[in-house]
């Protein structure tokens, strides 16, 4: 499940429950089946724009009420249910845990790079800092032709307003956390 479907699942359930509605009542108001609404709330369905349109019309809410990041104080992200935001099979995978949001000045990703492979990233904009923490393997980070080695358990911060390359020159899979922060 991607972060957008997770937002929809949490928000739909919260809206329905806040109104004291059962799934049957929500189905009657929206014209979307009870089973489909249940699947959406559990994050098991990827609703089409047509289904979302019927939900927002039937519940008389804005689409933004469904897709916005929930304001809950607890927001779990289950890695096993994430869909990679970028992937080249056998080379690299990027998992988005917390994407850019206007109200927050950071993003959080997990990046996996297979042995002997690399993931090239463009510049992230002026004033952007990137923080990486290596969980597995060793990262060779190339920034403007200069290489930096970051080993398991180590971290590194850099200005990410320049193109850079994450390289795995080792024999095991490389996995690291990447956090982007923005000047506000």
C-alpha atoms as a PDB file:
ATOM      1  CA  UNK A   1       0.000   0.000   0.000  1.00  0.00           C
ATOM      2  CA  UNK A   2       1.331   3.439  -0.794  1.00  0.00           C
ATOM      3  CA  UNK A   3       1.066   6.424   1.534  1.00  0.00           C
ATOM      4  CA  UNK A   4      -1.903   7.873  -0.385  1.00  0.00           C
ATOM      5  CA  UNK A   5      -4.002   4.715  -0.001  1.00  0.00           C
ATOM      6  CA  UNK A   6      -3.013   4.562   3.664  1.00  0.00           C
ATOM      7  CA  UNK A   7      -4.213   8.141   4.140  1.00  0.00           C
ATOM      8  CA  UNK A   8      -7.522   7.310   2.424  1.00  0.00           C
ATOM      9  CA  UNK A   9      -7.974   4.182   4.564  1.00  0.00           C
ATOM     10  CA  UNK A  10      -7.388   6.012   7.848  1.00  0.00           C
ATOM     11  CA  UNK A  11      -9.384   9.122   6.925  1.00  0.00           C
ATOM     12  CA  UNK A  12     -12.411   7.276   5.514  1.00  0.00           C
ATOM     13  CA  UNK A  13     -12.747   5.126   8.616  1.00  0.00           C
ATOM     14  CA  UNK A  14     -12.310   8.149  10.892  1.00  0.00           C
ATOM     15  CA  UNK A  15     -14.932  10.201   9.003  1.00  0.00           C
ATOM     16  CA  UNK A  16     -17.424   7.322   8.948  1.00  0.00           C
ATOM     17  CA  UNK A  17     -16.970   6.541  12.643  1.00  0.00           C
ATOM     18  CA  UNK A  18     -17.124  10.214  13.666  1.00  0.00           C
ATOM     19  CA  UNK A  19     -20.564  10.336  12.038  1.00  0.00           C
ATOM     20  CA  UNK A  20     -21.633   7.167  13.844  1.00  0.00           C
ATOM     21  CA  UNK A  21     -22.206   5.400  10.527  1.00  0.00           C
ATOM     22  CA  UNK A  22     -21.962   1.677   9.945  1.00  0.00           C
ATOM     23  CA  UNK A  23     -20.437   0.357   6.730  1.00  0.00           C
ATOM     24  CA  UNK A  24     -23.996  -0.459   5.594  1.00  0.00           C
ATOM     25  CA  UNK A  25     -25.090   3.164   6.109  1.00  0.00           C
ATOM     26  CA  UNK A  26     -21.992   4.510   4.344  1.00  0.00           C
ATOM     27  CA  UNK A  27     -22.624   2.128   1.442  1.00  0.00           C
ATOM     28  CA  UNK A  28     -26.212   3.324   1.168  1.00  0.00           C
ATOM     29  CA  UNK A  29     -25.163   6.997   1.137  1.00  0.00           C
ATOM     30  CA  UNK A  30     -22.275   6.610  -1.312  1.00  0.00           C
ATOM     31  CA  UNK A  31     -23.461   3.878  -3.656  1.00  0.00           C
ATOM     32  CA  UNK A  32     -20.172   2.043  -3.009  1.00  0.00           C
ATOM     33  CA  UNK A  33     -20.591  -1.517  -1.756  1.00  0.00           C
ATOM     34  CA  UNK A  34     -20.048  -2.354   1.897  1.00  0.00           C
ATOM     35  CA  UNK A  35     -17.322  -4.828   0.958  1.00  0.00           C
ATOM     36  CA  UNK A  36     -15.475  -2.240  -1.163  1.00  0.00           C
ATOM     37  CA  UNK A  37     -15.673   0.372   1.618  1.00  0.00           C
ATOM     38  CA  UNK A  38     -14.328  -2.215   4.079  1.00  0.00           C
ATOM     39  CA  UNK A  39     -11.463  -3.086   1.731  1.00  0.00           C
ATOM     40  CA  UNK A  40     -10.613   0.600   1.324  1.00  0.00           C
ATOM     41  CA  UNK A  41     -10.637   1.143   5.101  1.00  0.00           C
ATOM     42  CA  UNK A  42      -8.348  -1.873   5.606  1.00  0.00           C
ATOM     43  CA  UNK A  43      -6.001  -0.655   2.873  1.00  0.00           C
ATOM     44  CA  UNK A  44      -6.713  -3.725   0.746  1.00  0.00           C
ATOM     45  CA  UNK A  45      -8.148  -1.839  -2.250  1.00  0.00           C
ATOM     46  CA  UNK A  46      -6.764   0.790  -4.586  1.00  0.00           C
ATOM     47  CA  UNK A  47      -9.912   2.870  -5.215  1.00  0.00           C
ATOM     48  CA  UNK A  48     -10.410   4.461  -8.622  1.00  0.00           C
ATOM     49  CA  UNK A  49     -11.093   8.180  -8.935  1.00  0.00           C
ATOM     50  CA  UNK A  50     -14.699   7.238  -9.787  1.00  0.00           C
ATOM     51  CA  UNK A  51     -15.136   5.375  -6.483  1.00  0.00           C
ATOM     52  CA  UNK A  52     -13.502   8.247  -4.579  1.00  0.00           C
ATOM     53  CA  UNK A  53     -15.891  10.630  -6.345  1.00  0.00           C
ATOM     54  CA  UNK A  54     -18.891   8.612  -5.176  1.00  0.00           C
ATOM     55  CA  UNK A  55     -17.536   8.536  -1.612  1.00  0.00           C
ATOM     56  CA  UNK A  56     -16.902  12.291  -1.387  1.00  0.00           C
ATOM     57  CA  UNK A  57     -20.246  13.079  -3.010  1.00  0.00           C
ATOM     58  CA  UNK A  58     -22.197  10.683  -0.821  1.00  0.00           C
ATOM     59  CA  UNK A  59     -20.492  11.778   2.405  1.00  0.00           C
ATOM     60  CA  UNK A  60     -20.475  15.453   1.319  1.00  0.00           C
ATOM     61  CA  UNK A  61     -16.779  15.974   1.981  1.00  0.00           C
ATOM     62  CA  UNK A  62     -13.906  17.309  -0.077  1.00  0.00           C
ATOM     63  CA  UNK A  63     -11.457  14.932  -1.749  1.00  0.00           C
ATOM     64  CA  UNK A  64      -8.718  16.549   0.327  1.00  0.00           C
ATOM     65  CA  UNK A  65     -10.446  15.188   3.464  1.00  0.00           C
ATOM     66  CA  UNK A  66      -9.642  11.685   2.234  1.00  0.00           C
ATOM     67  CA  UNK A  67      -6.130  12.120   0.856  1.00  0.00           C
ATOM     68  CA  UNK A  68      -4.567  14.455   3.425  1.00  0.00           C
ATOM     69  CA  UNK A  69      -2.180  13.058   5.991  1.00  0.00           C
ATOM     70  CA  UNK A  70      -4.251  12.063   9.015  1.00  0.00           C
ATOM     71  CA  UNK A  71      -3.858  14.295  12.021  1.00  0.00           C
ATOM     72  CA  UNK A  72      -3.628  11.347  14.388  1.00  0.00           C
ATOM     73  CA  UNK A  73      -0.841  11.437  16.945  1.00  0.00           C
ATOM     74  CA  UNK A  74       0.042   7.879  15.855  1.00  0.00           C
ATOM     75  CA  UNK A  75       0.603   7.041  12.176  1.00  0.00           C
ATOM     76  CA  UNK A  76       2.005   3.537  11.625  1.00  0.00           C
ATOM     77  CA  UNK A  77       3.677   2.590   8.341  1.00  0.00           C
ATOM     78  CA  UNK A  78       3.871  -1.145   7.609  1.00  0.00           C
ATOM     79  CA  UNK A  79       6.873  -1.791   5.353  1.00  0.00           C
ATOM     80  CA  UNK A  80       5.397  -5.023   4.031  1.00  0.00           C
ATOM     81  CA  UNK A  81       2.469  -3.072   2.589  1.00  0.00           C
ATOM     82  CA  UNK A  82       4.480  -0.290   0.917  1.00  0.00           C
ATOM     83  CA  UNK A  83       4.696  -0.084  -2.866  1.00  0.00           C
ATOM     84  CA  UNK A  84       8.113   1.120  -4.087  1.00  0.00           C
ATOM     85  CA  UNK A  85       7.990   4.709  -5.355  1.00  0.00           C
ATOM     86  CA  UNK A  86      10.961   3.952  -7.653  1.00  0.00           C
ATOM     87  CA  UNK A  87      12.341   0.566  -8.589  1.00  0.00           C
ATOM     88  CA  UNK A  88      14.557  -1.139 -11.108  1.00  0.00           C
ATOM     89  CA  UNK A  89      14.365  -4.861 -10.366  1.00  0.00           C
ATOM     90  CA  UNK A  90      17.700  -6.281  -9.263  1.00  0.00           C
ATOM     91  CA  UNK A  91      19.288  -2.818  -9.098  1.00  0.00           C
ATOM     92  CA  UNK A  92      17.532  -0.579  -6.554  1.00  0.00           C
ATOM     93  CA  UNK A  93      14.270   0.107  -4.730  1.00  0.00           C
ATOM     94  CA  UNK A  94      13.046   3.296  -3.031  1.00  0.00           C
ATOM     95  CA  UNK A  95      10.349   3.044  -0.343  1.00  0.00           C
ATOM     96  CA  UNK A  96       8.573   6.235   0.679  1.00  0.00           C
ATOM     97  CA  UNK A  97       7.671   6.262   4.376  1.00  0.00           C
ATOM     98  CA  UNK A  98       6.888   9.965   4.816  1.00  0.00           C
ATOM     99  CA  UNK A  99       6.690  11.962   1.549  1.00  0.00           C
ATOM    100  CA  UNK A 100       6.908  15.722   1.201  1.00  0.00           C
ATOM    101  CA  UNK A 101       4.134  17.548   2.958  1.00  0.00           C
ATOM    102  CA  UNK A 102       3.671  21.303   3.131  1.00  0.00           C
ATOM    103  CA  UNK A 103       3.164  21.279   6.910  1.00  0.00           C
ATOM    104  CA  UNK A 104       6.377  19.312   7.535  1.00  0.00           C
ATOM    105  CA  UNK A 105       9.907  20.193   6.473  1.00  0.00           C
ATOM    106  CA  UNK A 106      11.277  16.676   5.938  1.00  0.00           C
ATOM    107  CA  UNK A 107      10.799  13.470   3.927  1.00  0.00           C
ATOM    108  CA  UNK A 108      11.848   9.936   4.912  1.00  0.00           C
ATOM    109  CA  UNK A 109      12.780   7.077   2.579  1.00  0.00           C
ATOM    110  CA  UNK A 110      14.462   3.671   2.742  1.00  0.00           C
ATOM    111  CA  UNK A 111      16.676   2.938  -0.246  1.00  0.00           C
ATOM    112  CA  UNK A 112      17.905  -0.549  -1.144  1.00  0.00           C
ATOM    113  CA  UNK A 113      20.730  -1.040  -3.669  1.00  0.00           C
ATOM    114  CA  UNK A 114      21.822  -4.505  -4.815  1.00  0.00           C
ATOM    115  CA  UNK A 115      25.540  -5.487  -4.958  1.00  0.00           C
ATOM    116  CA  UNK A 116      27.467  -3.887  -7.806  1.00  0.00           C
ATOM    117  CA  UNK A 117      24.625  -1.482  -8.586  1.00  0.00           C
ATOM    118  CA  UNK A 118      23.995   2.233  -8.127  1.00  0.00           C
ATOM    119  CA  UNK A 119      21.082   4.625  -7.793  1.00  0.00           C
ATOM    120  CA  UNK A 120      21.578   8.109  -9.247  1.00  0.00           C
ATOM    121  CA  UNK A 121      19.630  10.978  -7.727  1.00  0.00           C
ATOM    122  CA  UNK A 122      19.166  14.448  -9.129  1.00  0.00           C
ATOM    123  CA  UNK A 123      19.520  17.605  -7.065  1.00  0.00           C
ATOM    124  CA  UNK A 124      16.810  18.152  -4.446  1.00  0.00           C
ATOM    125  CA  UNK A 125      16.658  21.927  -4.533  1.00  0.00           C
ATOM    126  CA  UNK A 126      18.436  24.820  -2.904  1.00  0.00           C
ATOM    127  CA  UNK A 127      18.685  24.674   0.869  1.00  0.00           C
ATOM    128  CA  UNK A 128      17.994  20.926   1.021  1.00  0.00           C
ATOM    129  CA  UNK A 129      20.047  18.790   3.387  1.00  0.00           C
ATOM    130  CA  UNK A 130      20.093  15.021   3.226  1.00  0.00           C
ATOM    131  CA  UNK A 131      20.844  12.718   6.116  1.00  0.00           C
ATOM    132  CA  UNK A 132      21.635   9.053   5.473  1.00  0.00           C
ATOM    133  CA  UNK A 133      21.931   6.232   8.005  1.00  0.00           C
ATOM    134  CA  UNK A 134      23.227   2.910   6.707  1.00  0.00           C
ATOM    135  CA  UNK A 135      21.378  -0.123   8.113  1.00  0.00           C
ATOM    136  CA  UNK A 136      23.074  -2.860   6.019  1.00  0.00           C
ATOM    137  CA  UNK A 137      26.135  -2.931   3.798  1.00  0.00           C
ATOM    138  CA  UNK A 138      28.408  -0.044   2.868  1.00  0.00           C
ATOM    139  CA  UNK A 139      27.405   3.016   0.882  1.00  0.00           C
ATOM    140  CA  UNK A 140      29.789   4.788  -1.444  1.00  0.00           C
ATOM    141  CA  UNK A 141      28.231   8.209  -1.873  1.00  0.00           C
ATOM    142  CA  UNK A 142      29.502  10.256  -4.808  1.00  0.00           C
ATOM    143  CA  UNK A 143      28.866  14.013  -4.754  1.00  0.00           C
ATOM    144  CA  UNK A 144      30.371  16.119  -7.551  1.00  0.00           C
ATOM    145  CA  UNK A 145      33.082  13.520  -8.220  1.00  0.00           C
ATOM    146  CA  UNK A 146      34.076  13.193  -4.552  1.00  0.00           C
ATOM    147  CA  UNK A 147      33.442   9.824  -2.892  1.00  0.00           C
ATOM    148  CA  UNK A 148      32.477   9.210   0.737  1.00  0.00           C
ATOM    149  CA  UNK A 149      32.274   5.773   2.355  1.00  0.00           C
ATOM    150  CA  UNK A 150      29.471   5.276   4.886  1.00  0.00           C
ATOM    151  CA  UNK A 151      29.521   1.893   6.676  1.00  0.00           C
ATOM    152  CA  UNK A 152      26.831  -0.063   8.531  1.00  0.00           C
ATOM    153  CA  UNK A 153      25.649   1.889  11.568  1.00  0.00           C
ATOM    154  CA  UNK A 154      27.244   5.141  10.365  1.00  0.00           C
ATOM    155  CA  UNK A 155      25.505   8.292   9.162  1.00  0.00           C
ATOM    156  CA  UNK A 156      26.347  11.150   6.811  1.00  0.00           C
ATOM    157  CA  UNK A 157      24.859  14.601   6.130  1.00  0.00           C
ATOM    158  CA  UNK A 158      25.307  16.664   2.962  1.00  0.00           C
ATOM    159  CA  UNK A 159      23.807  19.500   0.944  1.00  0.00           C
ATOM    160  CA  UNK A 160      21.668  17.620  -1.579  1.00  0.00           C
ATOM    161  CA  UNK A 161      21.208  20.513  -3.982  1.00  0.00           C
ATOM    162  CA  UNK A 162      23.638  18.730  -6.327  1.00  0.00           C
ATOM    163  CA  UNK A 163      23.239  15.458  -8.230  1.00  0.00           C
ATOM    164  CA  UNK A 164      24.632  12.482  -6.320  1.00  0.00           C
ATOM    165  CA  UNK A 165      25.046   8.718  -6.693  1.00  0.00           C
ATOM    166  CA  UNK A 166      24.456   5.992  -4.100  1.00  0.00           C
ATOM    167  CA  UNK A 167      26.742   3.081  -4.976  1.00  0.00           C
ATOM    168  CA  UNK A 168      26.942  -0.430  -3.554  1.00  0.00           C
ATOM    169  CA  UNK A 169      30.432  -1.765  -4.234  1.00  0.00           C
ATOM    170  CA  UNK A 170      30.048  -4.541  -1.685  1.00  0.00           C
ATOM    171  CA  UNK A 171      28.863  -8.135  -1.946  1.00  0.00           C
ATOM    172  CA  UNK A 172      25.712  -7.756   0.183  1.00  0.00           C
ATOM    173  CA  UNK A 173      22.557  -5.725  -0.279  1.00  0.00           C
ATOM    174  CA  UNK A 174      22.889  -2.091   0.824  1.00  0.00           C
ATOM    175  CA  UNK A 175      20.001  -0.584   2.767  1.00  0.00           C
ATOM    176  CA  UNK A 176      19.883   2.903   4.207  1.00  0.00           C
ATOM    177  CA  UNK A 177      17.477   5.501   5.532  1.00  0.00           C
ATOM    178  CA  UNK A 178      17.431   8.832   3.734  1.00  0.00           C
ATOM    179  CA  UNK A 179      15.891  11.945   5.288  1.00  0.00           C
ATOM    180  CA  UNK A 180      15.585  15.215   3.386  1.00  0.00           C
ATOM    181  CA  UNK A 181      15.112  18.420   5.336  1.00  0.00           C
ATOM    182  CA  UNK A 182      14.145  21.752   3.875  1.00  0.00           C
ATOM    183  CA  UNK A 183      14.813  25.248   4.996  1.00  0.00           C
ATOM    184  CA  UNK A 184      11.536  26.845   6.043  1.00  0.00           C
END
